[in-house]
PDB file of N, CA and C in Angstrom:
ATOM      1  N   MET A   1       4.891 -22.594  14.313  1.00  0.00           N
ATOM      2  CA  MET A   1       4.409 -21.408  14.967  1.00  0.00           C
ATOM      3  C   MET A   1       3.339 -21.798  15.978  1.00  0.00           C
ATOM      4  N   GLY A   2       3.244 -21.011  17.028  1.00  0.00           N
ATOM      5  CA  GLY A   2       2.252 -21.289  18.066  1.00  0.00           C
ATOM      6  C   GLY A   2       0.849 -20.937  17.612  1.00  0.00           C
ATOM      7  N   GLN A   3      -0.064 -21.636  18.184  1.00  0.00           N
ATOM      8  CA  GLN A   3      -1.456 -21.351  17.840  1.00  0.00           C
ATOM      9  C   GLN A   3      -1.943 -20.171  18.667  1.00  0.00           C
ATOM     10  N   VAL A   4      -2.683 -19.316  18.028  1.00  0.00           N
ATOM     11  CA  VAL A   4      -3.260 -18.172  18.698  1.00  0.00           C
ATOM     12  C   VAL A   4      -4.745 -18.453  18.889  1.00  0.00           C
ATOM     13  N   LEU A   5      -5.207 -18.329  20.129  1.00  0.00           N
ATOM     14  CA  LEU A   5      -6.618 -18.566  20.399  1.00  0.00           C
ATOM     15  C   LEU A   5      -7.440 -17.351  20.005  1.00  0.00           C
ATOM     16  N   ARG A   6      -8.505 -17.592  19.342  1.00  0.00           N
ATOM     17  CA  ARG A   6      -9.420 -16.510  19.010  1.00  0.00           C
ATOM     18  C   ARG A   6     -10.272 -16.214  20.231  1.00  0.00           C
ATOM     19  N   SER A   7     -10.878 -15.051  20.251  1.00  0.00           N
ATOM     20  CA  SER A   7     -11.681 -14.665  21.405  1.00  0.00           C
ATOM     21  C   SER A   7     -12.877 -15.593  21.593  1.00  0.00           C
ATOM     22  N   SER A   8     -13.368 -16.205  20.535  1.00  0.00           N
ATOM     23  CA  SER A   8     -14.497 -17.124  20.664  1.00  0.00           C
ATOM     24  C   SER A   8     -14.075 -18.441  21.291  1.00  0.00           C
ATOM     25  N   GLN A   9     -12.763 -18.780  21.218  1.00  0.00           N
ATOM     26  CA  GLN A   9     -12.286 -20.025  21.788  1.00  0.00           C
ATOM     27  C   GLN A   9     -11.795 -19.846  23.218  1.00  0.00           C
ATOM     28  N   GLN A  10     -11.530 -18.630  23.649  1.00  0.00           N
ATOM     29  CA  GLN A  10     -11.075 -18.388  25.005  1.00  0.00           C
ATOM     30  C   GLN A  10     -12.252 -18.500  25.961  1.00  0.00           C
ATOM     31  N   GLY A  11     -11.950 -18.870  27.199  1.00  0.00           N
ATOM     32  CA  GLY A  11     -12.994 -18.986  28.191  1.00  0.00           C
ATOM     33  C   GLY A  11     -13.390 -17.636  28.763  1.00  0.00           C
ATOM     34  N   SER A  12     -14.589 -17.567  29.273  1.00  0.00           N
ATOM     35  CA  SER A  12     -15.096 -16.352  29.886  1.00  0.00           C
ATOM     36  C   SER A  12     -15.881 -16.733  31.137  1.00  0.00           C
ATOM     37  N   ILE A  13     -15.506 -16.158  32.266  1.00  0.00           N
ATOM     38  CA  ILE A  13     -16.190 -16.458  33.520  1.00  0.00           C
ATOM     39  C   ILE A  13     -17.628 -15.945  33.469  1.00  0.00           C
ATOM     40  N   THR A  14     -17.825 -14.776  32.898  1.00  0.00           N
ATOM     41  CA  THR A  14     -19.178 -14.209  32.803  1.00  0.00           C
ATOM     42  C   THR A  14     -20.075 -15.077  31.934  1.00  0.00           C
ATOM     43  N   ARG A  15     -19.558 -15.515  30.807  1.00  0.00           N
ATOM     44  CA  ARG A  15     -20.335 -16.382  29.921  1.00  0.00           C
ATOM     45  C   ARG A  15     -20.632 -17.717  30.603  1.00  0.00           C
ATOM     46  N   ALA A  16     -19.660 -18.233  31.340  1.00  0.00           N
ATOM     47  CA  ALA A  16     -19.858 -19.504  32.051  1.00  0.00           C
ATOM     48  C   ALA A  16     -20.924 -19.364  33.129  1.00  0.00           C
ATOM     49  N   MET A  17     -20.904 -18.253  33.875  1.00  0.00           N
ATOM     50  CA  MET A  17     -21.936 -18.035  34.907  1.00  0.00           C
ATOM     51  C   MET A  17     -23.315 -17.940  34.276  1.00  0.00           C
ATOM     52  N   PHE A  18     -23.413 -17.252  33.129  1.00  0.00           N
ATOM     53  CA  PHE A  18     -24.694 -17.122  32.441  1.00  0.00           C
ATOM     54  C   PHE A  18     -25.219 -18.498  32.022  1.00  0.00           C
ATOM     55  N   TRP A  19     -24.359 -19.327  31.400  1.00  0.00           N
ATOM     56  CA  TRP A  19     -24.786 -20.654  30.972  1.00  0.00           C
ATOM     57  C   TRP A  19     -25.192 -21.515  32.158  1.00  0.00           C
ATOM     58  N   MET A  20     -24.445 -21.438  33.246  1.00  0.00           N
ATOM     59  CA  MET A  20     -24.794 -22.221  34.437  1.00  0.00           C
ATOM     60  C   MET A  20     -26.155 -21.809  34.984  1.00  0.00           C
ATOM     61  N   MET A  21     -26.419 -20.513  34.998  1.00  0.00           N
ATOM     62  CA  MET A  21     -27.695 -20.031  35.517  1.00  0.00           C
ATOM     63  C   MET A  21     -28.854 -20.473  34.631  1.00  0.00           C
ATOM     64  N   VAL A  22     -28.721 -20.301  33.322  1.00  0.00           N
ATOM     65  CA  VAL A  22     -29.809 -20.642  32.402  1.00  0.00           C
ATOM     66  C   VAL A  22     -30.099 -22.142  32.425  1.00  0.00           C
ATOM     67  N   ILE A  23     -29.055 -22.955  32.361  1.00  0.00           N
ATOM     68  CA  ILE A  23     -29.270 -24.402  32.334  1.00  0.00           C
ATOM     69  C   ILE A  23     -29.790 -24.894  33.681  1.00  0.00           C
ATOM     70  N   SER A  24     -29.332 -24.285  34.785  1.00  0.00           N
ATOM     71  CA  SER A  24     -29.866 -24.661  36.100  1.00  0.00           C
ATOM     72  C   SER A  24     -31.356 -24.363  36.195  1.00  0.00           C
ATOM     73  N   LEU A  25     -31.765 -23.222  35.640  1.00  0.00           N
ATOM     74  CA  LEU A  25     -33.190 -22.887  35.658  1.00  0.00           C
ATOM     75  C   LEU A  25     -34.009 -23.826  34.780  1.00  0.00           C
ATOM     76  N   LEU A  26     -33.455 -24.216  33.647  1.00  0.00           N
ATOM     77  CA  LEU A  26     -34.185 -25.107  32.752  1.00  0.00           C
ATOM     78  C   LEU A  26     -34.247 -26.544  33.273  1.00  0.00           C
ATOM     79  N   LEU A  27     -33.224 -26.975  33.995  1.00  0.00           N
ATOM     80  CA  LEU A  27     -33.169 -28.351  34.496  1.00  0.00           C
ATOM     81  C   LEU A  27     -33.415 -28.431  36.002  1.00  0.00           C
ATOM     82  N   PHE A  28     -34.211 -27.519  36.537  1.00  0.00           N
ATOM     83  CA  PHE A  28     -34.474 -27.512  37.973  1.00  0.00           C
ATOM     84  C   PHE A  28     -35.154 -28.793  38.445  1.00  0.00           C
ATOM     85  N   TRP A  29     -35.838 -29.480  37.568  1.00  0.00           N
ATOM     86  CA  TRP A  29     -36.608 -30.665  37.926  1.00  0.00           C
ATOM     87  C   TRP A  29     -35.726 -31.909  38.063  1.00  0.00           C
ATOM     88  N   LEU A  30     -34.445 -31.817  37.730  1.00  0.00           N
ATOM     89  CA  LEU A  30     -33.496 -32.909  37.941  1.00  0.00           C
ATOM     90  C   LEU A  30     -32.642 -32.553  39.161  1.00  0.00           C
ATOM     91  N   PRO A  31     -32.922 -33.122  40.330  1.00  0.00           N
ATOM     92  CA  PRO A  31     -32.297 -32.663  41.573  1.00  0.00           C
ATOM     93  C   PRO A  31     -30.762 -32.623  41.562  1.00  0.00           C
ATOM     94  N   LEU A  32     -30.079 -33.658  41.172  1.00  0.00           N
ATOM     95  CA  LEU A  32     -28.615 -33.645  41.181  1.00  0.00           C
ATOM     96  C   LEU A  32     -28.022 -33.526  39.782  1.00  0.00           C
ATOM     97  N   LEU A  33     -28.713 -34.080  38.799  1.00  0.00           N
ATOM     98  CA  LEU A  33     -28.186 -34.047  37.434  1.00  0.00           C
ATOM     99  C   LEU A  33     -28.291 -32.667  36.793  1.00  0.00           C
ATOM    100  N   GLY A  34     -29.325 -31.918  37.107  1.00  0.00           N
ATOM    101  CA  GLY A  34     -29.503 -30.589  36.515  1.00  0.00           C
ATOM    102  C   GLY A  34     -28.339 -29.661  36.818  1.00  0.00           C
ATOM    103  N   PRO A  35     -27.999 -29.458  38.105  1.00  0.00           N
ATOM    104  CA  PRO A  35     -26.835 -28.609  38.400  1.00  0.00           C
ATOM    105  C   PRO A  35     -25.518 -29.189  37.885  1.00  0.00           C
ATOM    106  N   ALA A  36     -25.393 -30.517  37.884  1.00  0.00           N
ATOM    107  CA  ALA A  36     -24.152 -31.128  37.385  1.00  0.00           C
ATOM    108  C   ALA A  36     -23.990 -30.875  35.882  1.00  0.00           C
ATOM    109  N   ILE A  37     -25.079 -30.999  35.127  1.00  0.00           N
ATOM    110  CA  ILE A  37     -25.028 -30.719  33.684  1.00  0.00           C
ATOM    111  C   ILE A  37     -24.735 -29.240  33.449  1.00  0.00           C
ATOM    112  N   ALA A  38     -25.384 -28.370  34.235  1.00  0.00           N
ATOM    113  CA  ALA A  38     -25.136 -26.936  34.104  1.00  0.00           C
ATOM    114  C   ALA A  38     -23.682 -26.604  34.432  1.00  0.00           C
ATOM    115  N   GLY A  39     -23.135 -27.242  35.455  1.00  0.00           N
ATOM    116  CA  GLY A  39     -21.740 -27.018  35.809  1.00  0.00           C
ATOM    117  C   GLY A  39     -20.790 -27.511  34.738  1.00  0.00           C
ATOM    118  N   PHE A  40     -21.113 -28.648  34.136  1.00  0.00           N
ATOM    119  CA  PHE A  40     -20.266 -29.186  33.073  1.00  0.00           C
ATOM    120  C   PHE A  40     -20.219 -28.233  31.884  1.00  0.00           C
ATOM    121  N   VAL A  41     -21.373 -27.771  31.448  1.00  0.00           N
ATOM    122  CA  VAL A  41     -21.430 -26.852  30.306  1.00  0.00           C
ATOM    123  C   VAL A  41     -20.740 -25.534  30.653  1.00  0.00           C
ATOM    124  N   GLY A  42     -21.012 -25.023  31.855  1.00  0.00           N
ATOM    125  CA  GLY A  42     -20.353 -23.782  32.274  1.00  0.00           C
ATOM    126  C   GLY A  42     -18.849 -23.937  32.413  1.00  0.00           C
ATOM    127  N   GLY A  43     -18.403 -25.095  32.890  1.00  0.00           N
ATOM    128  CA  GLY A  43     -16.973 -25.352  33.000  1.00  0.00           C
ATOM    129  C   GLY A  43     -16.298 -25.385  31.642  1.00  0.00           C
ATOM    130  N   ARG A  44     -16.977 -25.952  30.665  1.00  0.00           N
ATOM    131  CA  ARG A  44     -16.436 -25.958  29.296  1.00  0.00           C
ATOM    132  C   ARG A  44     -16.361 -24.538  28.750  1.00  0.00           C
ATOM    133  N   LYS A  45     -17.379 -23.728  29.047  1.00  0.00           N
ATOM    134  CA  LYS A  45     -17.385 -22.340  28.568  1.00  0.00           C
ATOM    135  C   LYS A  45     -16.339 -21.495  29.292  1.00  0.00           C
ATOM    136  N   ALA A  46     -16.007 -21.866  30.548  1.00  0.00           N
ATOM    137  CA  ALA A  46     -15.029 -21.094  31.316  1.00  0.00           C
ATOM    138  C   ALA A  46     -13.626 -21.273  30.768  1.00  0.00           C
ATOM    139  N   GLY A  47     -13.326 -22.442  30.222  1.00  0.00           N
ATOM    140  CA  GLY A  47     -12.036 -22.642  29.592  1.00  0.00           C
ATOM    141  C   GLY A  47     -10.959 -23.222  30.479  1.00  0.00           C
ATOM    142  N   GLY A  48     -11.266 -23.625  31.679  1.00  0.00           N
ATOM    143  CA  GLY A  48     -10.272 -24.224  32.568  1.00  0.00           C
ATOM    144  C   GLY A  48     -10.883 -24.507  33.922  1.00  0.00           C
ATOM    145  N   VAL A  49     -10.143 -25.221  34.758  1.00  0.00           N
ATOM    146  CA  VAL A  49     -10.678 -25.600  36.065  1.00  0.00           C
ATOM    147  C   VAL A  49     -10.784 -24.391  36.987  1.00  0.00           C
ATOM    148  N   GLY A  50      -9.761 -23.545  37.012  1.00  0.00           N
ATOM    149  CA  GLY A  50      -9.782 -22.363  37.887  1.00  0.00           C
ATOM    150  C   GLY A  50     -10.937 -21.420  37.584  1.00  0.00           C
ATOM    151  N   PRO A  51     -11.071 -20.974  36.343  1.00  0.00           N
ATOM    152  CA  PRO A  51     -12.210 -20.109  36.015  1.00  0.00           C
ATOM    153  C   PRO A  51     -13.564 -20.803  36.212  1.00  0.00           C
ATOM    154  N   ALA A  52     -13.609 -22.130  36.009  1.00  0.00           N
ATOM    155  CA  ALA A  52     -14.862 -22.862  36.202  1.00  0.00           C
ATOM    156  C   ALA A  52     -15.271 -22.854  37.670  1.00  0.00           C
ATOM    157  N   VAL A  53     -14.312 -23.032  38.564  1.00  0.00           N
ATOM    158  CA  VAL A  53     -14.607 -23.001  40.006  1.00  0.00           C
ATOM    159  C   VAL A  53     -15.072 -21.613  40.414  1.00  0.00           C
ATOM    160  N   ILE A  54     -14.419 -20.582  39.903  1.00  0.00           N
ATOM    161  CA  ILE A  54     -14.839 -19.208  40.204  1.00  0.00           C
ATOM    162  C   ILE A  54     -16.249 -18.953  39.676  1.00  0.00           C
ATOM    163  N   ALA A  55     -16.525 -19.413  38.459  1.00  0.00           N
ATOM    164  CA  ALA A  55     -17.847 -19.206  37.860  1.00  0.00           C
ATOM    165  C   ALA A  55     -18.930 -19.957  38.621  1.00  0.00           C
ATOM    166  N   ALA A  56     -18.596 -21.069  39.248  1.00  0.00           N
ATOM    167  CA  ALA A  56     -19.590 -21.827  40.006  1.00  0.00           C
ATOM    168  C   ALA A  56     -19.804 -21.241  41.400  1.00  0.00           C
ATOM    169  N   LEU A  57     -18.744 -20.771  42.041  1.00  0.00           N
ATOM    170  CA  LEU A  57     -18.848 -20.305  43.422  1.00  0.00           C
ATOM    171  C   LEU A  57     -19.250 -18.835  43.552  1.00  0.00           C
ATOM    172  N   LEU A  58     -18.834 -17.996  42.618  1.00  0.00           N
ATOM    173  CA  LEU A  58     -19.079 -16.561  42.741  1.00  0.00           C
ATOM    174  C   LEU A  58     -20.563 -16.194  42.832  1.00  0.00           C
ATOM    175  N   PRO A  59     -21.451 -16.740  41.996  1.00  0.00           N
ATOM    176  CA  PRO A  59     -22.871 -16.376  42.142  1.00  0.00           C
ATOM    177  C   PRO A  59     -23.466 -16.796  43.482  1.00  0.00           C
ATOM    178  N   ALA A  60     -23.076 -17.967  43.995  1.00  0.00           N
ATOM    179  CA  ALA A  60     -23.608 -18.417  45.275  1.00  0.00           C
ATOM    180  C   ALA A  60     -23.117 -17.533  46.418  1.00  0.00           C
ATOM    181  N   ILE A  61     -21.862 -17.148  46.375  1.00  0.00           N
ATOM    182  CA  ILE A  61     -21.315 -16.275  47.417  1.00  0.00           C
ATOM    183  C   ILE A  61     -21.974 -14.897  47.356  1.00  0.00           C
ATOM    184  N   LEU A  62     -22.124 -14.359  46.149  1.00  0.00           N
ATOM    185  CA  LEU A  62     -22.767 -13.049  46.011  1.00  0.00           C
ATOM    186  C   LEU A  62     -24.228 -13.078  46.432  1.00  0.00           C
ATOM    187  N   LEU A  63     -24.947 -14.149  46.065  1.00  0.00           N
ATOM    188  CA  LEU A  63     -26.351 -14.274  46.471  1.00  0.00           C
ATOM    189  C   LEU A  63     -26.464 -14.404  47.983  1.00  0.00           C
ATOM    190  N   GLY A  64     -25.620 -15.220  48.571  1.00  0.00           N
ATOM    191  CA  GLY A  64     -25.647 -15.386  50.024  1.00  0.00           C
ATOM    192  C   GLY A  64     -25.326 -14.095  50.755  1.00  0.00           C
ATOM    193  N   ALA A  65     -24.314 -13.368  50.291  1.00  0.00           N
ATOM    194  CA  ALA A  65     -23.952 -12.101  50.923  1.00  0.00           C
ATOM    195  C   ALA A  65     -25.068 -11.063  50.762  1.00  0.00           C
ATOM    196  N   THR A  66     -25.677 -11.028  49.584  1.00  0.00           N
ATOM    197  CA  THR A  66     -26.775 -10.087  49.350  1.00  0.00           C
ATOM    198  C   THR A  66     -27.969 -10.401  50.244  1.00  0.00           C
ATOM    199  N   LEU A  67     -28.340 -11.677  50.330  1.00  0.00           N
ATOM    200  CA  LEU A  67     -29.440 -12.058  51.222  1.00  0.00           C
ATOM    201  C   LEU A  67     -29.122 -11.730  52.669  1.00  0.00           C
ATOM    202  N   PHE A  68     -27.899 -11.964  53.063  1.00  0.00           N
ATOM    203  CA  PHE A  68     -27.461 -11.683  54.429  1.00  0.00           C
ATOM    204  C   PHE A  68     -27.598 -10.193  54.747  1.00  0.00           C
ATOM    205  N   VAL A  69     -27.095  -9.339  53.846  1.00  0.00           N
ATOM    206  CA  VAL A  69     -27.145  -7.896  54.069  1.00  0.00           C
ATOM    207  C   VAL A  69     -28.578  -7.381  54.008  1.00  0.00           C
ATOM    208  N   LEU A  70     -29.339  -7.777  52.995  1.00  0.00           N
ATOM    209  CA  LEU A  70     -30.707  -7.271  52.857  1.00  0.00           C
ATOM    210  C   LEU A  70     -31.608  -7.734  53.993  1.00  0.00           C
ATOM    211  N   ALA A  71     -31.453  -8.981  54.423  1.00  0.00           N
ATOM    212  CA  ALA A  71     -32.279  -9.457  55.526  1.00  0.00           C
ATOM    213  C   ALA A  71     -31.921  -8.734  56.819  1.00  0.00           C
ATOM    214  N   SER A  72     -30.656  -8.400  57.006  1.00  0.00           N
ATOM    215  CA  SER A  72     -30.246  -7.667  58.204  1.00  0.00           C
ATOM    216  C   SER A  72     -30.761  -6.232  58.177  1.00  0.00           C
ATOM    217  N   VAL A  73     -30.765  -5.628  57.004  1.00  0.00           N
ATOM    218  CA  VAL A  73     -31.185  -4.233  56.889  1.00  0.00           C
ATOM    219  C   VAL A  73     -32.704  -4.106  56.928  1.00  0.00           C
ATOM    220  N   LEU A  74     -33.417  -4.999  56.236  1.00  0.00           N
ATOM    221  CA  LEU A  74     -34.861  -4.854  56.090  1.00  0.00           C
ATOM    222  C   LEU A  74     -35.657  -5.262  57.328  1.00  0.00           C
ATOM    223  N   THR A  75     -35.127  -6.151  58.124  1.00  0.00           N
ATOM    224  CA  THR A  75     -35.814  -6.471  59.376  1.00  0.00           C
ATOM    225  C   THR A  75     -35.361  -5.464  60.422  1.00  0.00           C
ATOM    226  N   GLY A  76     -36.231  -5.144  61.317  1.00  0.00           N
ATOM    227  CA  GLY A  76     -35.870  -4.192  62.370  1.00  0.00           C
ATOM    228  C   GLY A  76     -34.958  -4.809  63.418  1.00  0.00           C
ATOM    229  N   VAL A  77     -34.904  -6.121  63.444  1.00  0.00           N
ATOM    230  CA  VAL A  77     -34.109  -6.825  64.438  1.00  0.00           C
ATOM    231  C   VAL A  77     -32.891  -7.429  63.735  1.00  0.00           C
ATOM    232  N   PRO A  78     -31.688  -6.961  64.040  1.00  0.00           N
ATOM    233  CA  PRO A  78     -30.511  -7.461  63.332  1.00  0.00           C
ATOM    234  C   PRO A  78     -30.279  -8.967  63.507  1.00  0.00           C
ATOM    235  N   LEU A  79     -30.564  -9.504  64.688  1.00  0.00           N
ATOM    236  CA  LEU A  79     -30.343 -10.929  64.902  1.00  0.00           C
ATOM    237  C   LEU A  79     -31.266 -11.767  64.016  1.00  0.00           C
ATOM    238  N   LEU A  80     -32.509 -11.350  63.846  1.00  0.00           N
ATOM    239  CA  LEU A  80     -33.439 -12.043  62.965  1.00  0.00           C
ATOM    240  C   LEU A  80     -32.959 -11.973  61.513  1.00  0.00           C
ATOM    241  N   GLY A  81     -32.423 -10.826  61.121  1.00  0.00           N
ATOM    242  CA  GLY A  81     -31.880 -10.684  59.779  1.00  0.00           C
ATOM    243  C   GLY A  81     -30.672 -11.578  59.549  1.00  0.00           C
ATOM    244  N   VAL A  82     -29.835 -11.726  60.558  1.00  0.00           N
ATOM    245  CA  VAL A  82     -28.669 -12.597  60.445  1.00  0.00           C
ATOM    246  C   VAL A  82     -29.106 -14.043  60.265  1.00  0.00           C
ATOM    247  N   ILE A  83     -30.095 -14.481  61.030  1.00  0.00           N
ATOM    248  CA  ILE A  83     -30.592 -15.854  60.926  1.00  0.00           C
ATOM    249  C   ILE A  83     -31.222 -16.094  59.550  1.00  0.00           C
ATOM    250  N   ALA A  84     -32.019 -15.150  59.074  1.00  0.00           N
ATOM    251  CA  ALA A  84     -32.635 -15.295  57.753  1.00  0.00           C
ATOM    252  C   ALA A  84     -31.577 -15.273  56.651  1.00  0.00           C
ATOM    253  N   GLY A  85     -30.591 -14.409  56.795  1.00  0.00           N
ATOM    254  CA  GLY A  85     -29.517 -14.344  55.807  1.00  0.00           C
ATOM    255  C   GLY A  85     -28.691 -15.616  55.771  1.00  0.00           C
ATOM    256  N   LEU A  86     -28.419 -16.196  56.922  1.00  0.00           N
ATOM    257  CA  LEU A  86     -27.671 -17.452  56.960  1.00  0.00           C
ATOM    258  C   LEU A  86     -28.476 -18.596  56.354  1.00  0.00           C
ATOM    259  N   GLY A  87     -29.791 -18.572  56.534  1.00  0.00           N
ATOM    260  CA  GLY A  87     -30.633 -19.588  55.900  1.00  0.00           C
ATOM    261  C   GLY A  87     -30.589 -19.487  54.383  1.00  0.00           C
ATOM    262  N   GLY A  88     -30.655 -18.282  53.859  1.00  0.00           N
ATOM    263  CA  GLY A  88     -30.548 -18.082  52.413  1.00  0.00           C
ATOM    264  C   GLY A  88     -29.186 -18.479  51.880  1.00  0.00           C
ATOM    265  N   THR A  89     -28.149 -18.194  52.660  1.00  0.00           N
ATOM    266  CA  THR A  89     -26.796 -18.587  52.266  1.00  0.00           C
ATOM    267  C   THR A  89     -26.666 -20.102  52.225  1.00  0.00           C
ATOM    268  N   ALA A  90     -27.252 -20.785  53.201  1.00  0.00           N
ATOM    269  CA  ALA A  90     -27.194 -22.250  53.231  1.00  0.00           C
ATOM    270  C   ALA A  90     -27.910 -22.850  52.026  1.00  0.00           C
ATOM    271  N   ILE A  91     -29.037 -22.280  51.650  1.00  0.00           N
ATOM    272  CA  ILE A  91     -29.766 -22.783  50.477  1.00  0.00           C
ATOM    273  C   ILE A  91     -28.960 -22.546  49.208  1.00  0.00           C
ATOM    274  N   ALA A  92     -28.333 -21.379  49.088  1.00  0.00           N
ATOM    275  CA  ALA A  92     -27.521 -21.090  47.903  1.00  0.00           C
ATOM    276  C   ALA A  92     -26.317 -22.017  47.825  1.00  0.00           C
ATOM    277  N   LEU A  93     -25.686 -22.302  48.944  1.00  0.00           N
ATOM    278  CA  LEU A  93     -24.515 -23.174  48.943  1.00  0.00           C
ATOM    279  C   LEU A  93     -24.880 -24.644  48.756  1.00  0.00           C
ATOM    280  N   ALA A  94     -26.097 -25.041  49.102  1.00  0.00           N
ATOM    281  CA  ALA A  94     -26.524 -26.429  48.892  1.00  0.00           C
ATOM    282  C   ALA A  94     -26.631 -26.747  47.404  1.00  0.00           C
ATOM    283  N   HIS A  95     -26.911 -25.762  46.614  1.00  0.00           N
ATOM    284  CA  HIS A  95     -27.020 -25.940  45.164  1.00  0.00           C
ATOM    285  C   HIS A  95     -25.653 -26.044  44.497  1.00  0.00           C
ATOM    286  N   VAL A  96     -24.625 -25.563  45.179  1.00  0.00           N
ATOM    287  CA  VAL A  96     -23.303 -25.451  44.574  1.00  0.00           C
ATOM    288  C   VAL A  96     -22.581 -26.786  44.468  1.00  0.00           C
ATOM    289  N   GLY A  97     -22.870 -27.771  45.310  1.00  0.00           N
ATOM    290  CA  GLY A  97     -22.149 -29.037  45.301  1.00  0.00           C
ATOM    291  C   GLY A  97     -22.099 -29.713  43.942  1.00  0.00           C
ATOM    292  N   PRO A  98     -23.249 -30.115  43.392  1.00  0.00           N
ATOM    293  CA  PRO A  98     -23.232 -30.736  42.069  1.00  0.00           C
ATOM    294  C   PRO A  98     -22.778 -29.778  40.965  1.00  0.00           C
ATOM    295  N   LEU A  99     -23.101 -28.501  41.118  1.00  0.00           N
ATOM    296  CA  LEU A  99     -22.680 -27.506  40.132  1.00  0.00           C
ATOM    297  C   LEU A  99     -21.156 -27.404  40.102  1.00  0.00           C
ATOM    298  N   LEU A 100     -20.541 -27.405  41.271  1.00  0.00           N
ATOM    299  CA  LEU A 100     -19.089 -27.320  41.361  1.00  0.00           C
ATOM    300  C   LEU A 100     -18.419 -28.575  40.811  1.00  0.00           C
ATOM    301  N   LEU A 101     -18.978 -29.727  41.122  1.00  0.00           N
ATOM    302  CA  LEU A 101     -18.424 -30.985  40.595  1.00  0.00           C
ATOM    303  C   LEU A 101     -18.486 -30.998  39.066  1.00  0.00           C
ATOM    304  N   GLY A 102     -19.629 -30.623  38.507  1.00  0.00           N
ATOM    305  CA  GLY A 102     -19.760 -30.554  37.058  1.00  0.00           C
ATOM    306  C   GLY A 102     -18.830 -29.510  36.451  1.00  0.00           C
ATOM    307  N   ALA A 103     -18.631 -28.379  37.145  1.00  0.00           N
ATOM    308  CA  ALA A 103     -17.749 -27.331  36.627  1.00  0.00           C
ATOM    309  C   ALA A 103     -16.296 -27.804  36.607  1.00  0.00           C
ATOM    310  N   ILE A 104     -15.892 -28.541  37.621  1.00  0.00           N
ATOM    311  CA  ILE A 104     -14.514 -29.044  37.661  1.00  0.00           C
ATOM    312  C   ILE A 104     -14.294 -30.043  36.527  1.00  0.00           C
ATOM    313  N   ILE A 105     -15.246 -30.931  36.329  1.00  0.00           N
ATOM    314  CA  ILE A 105     -15.124 -31.927  35.246  1.00  0.00           C
ATOM    315  C   ILE A 105     -15.158 -31.227  33.887  1.00  0.00           C
ATOM    316  N   GLY A 106     -16.090 -30.291  33.710  1.00  0.00           N
ATOM    317  CA  GLY A 106     -16.184 -29.564  32.442  1.00  0.00           C
ATOM    318  C   GLY A 106     -14.960 -28.704  32.179  1.00  0.00           C
ATOM    319  N   GLY A 107     -14.408 -28.088  33.225  1.00  0.00           N
ATOM    320  CA  GLY A 107     -13.201 -27.289  33.044  1.00  0.00           C
ATOM    321  C   GLY A 107     -11.994 -28.129  32.689  1.00  0.00           C
ATOM    322  N   ALA A 108     -11.928 -29.337  33.243  1.00  0.00           N
ATOM    323  CA  ALA A 108     -10.813 -30.245  32.946  1.00  0.00           C
ATOM    324  C   ALA A 108     -10.920 -30.792  31.525  1.00  0.00           C
ATOM    325  N   VAL A 109     -12.139 -31.049  31.089  1.00  0.00           N
ATOM    326  CA  VAL A 109     -12.350 -31.608  29.743  1.00  0.00           C
ATOM    327  C   VAL A 109     -12.158 -30.534  28.682  1.00  0.00           C
ATOM    328  N   GLY A 110     -12.702 -29.339  28.951  1.00  0.00           N
ATOM    329  CA  GLY A 110     -12.685 -28.274  27.947  1.00  0.00           C
ATOM    330  C   GLY A 110     -11.474 -27.542  27.942  1.00  0.00           C
TER     331      GLY A 110
END
């Protein structure tokens, strides 16, 4: 008979994003290893490579889009808001490299 996965053994993108965020905050002092470790743990929690990649990229994309929109709305000058929003997006995406690599490895292993 086939094995049935219990809900505790199935991956969850939300749970993986939470673990990645918490571990990234705790290991902020390790420039490349901290996000890689967070990505590995989150990738294992996601349950596969596809969900792990989504869990690693979705928060950065949402943060970048939010910064972009809020900076455009809150400054009186739309061009200044666009420049500030793009800067925030670049910072958010710079963090994703090691996180994504760790998530791919963790998703493949888990």
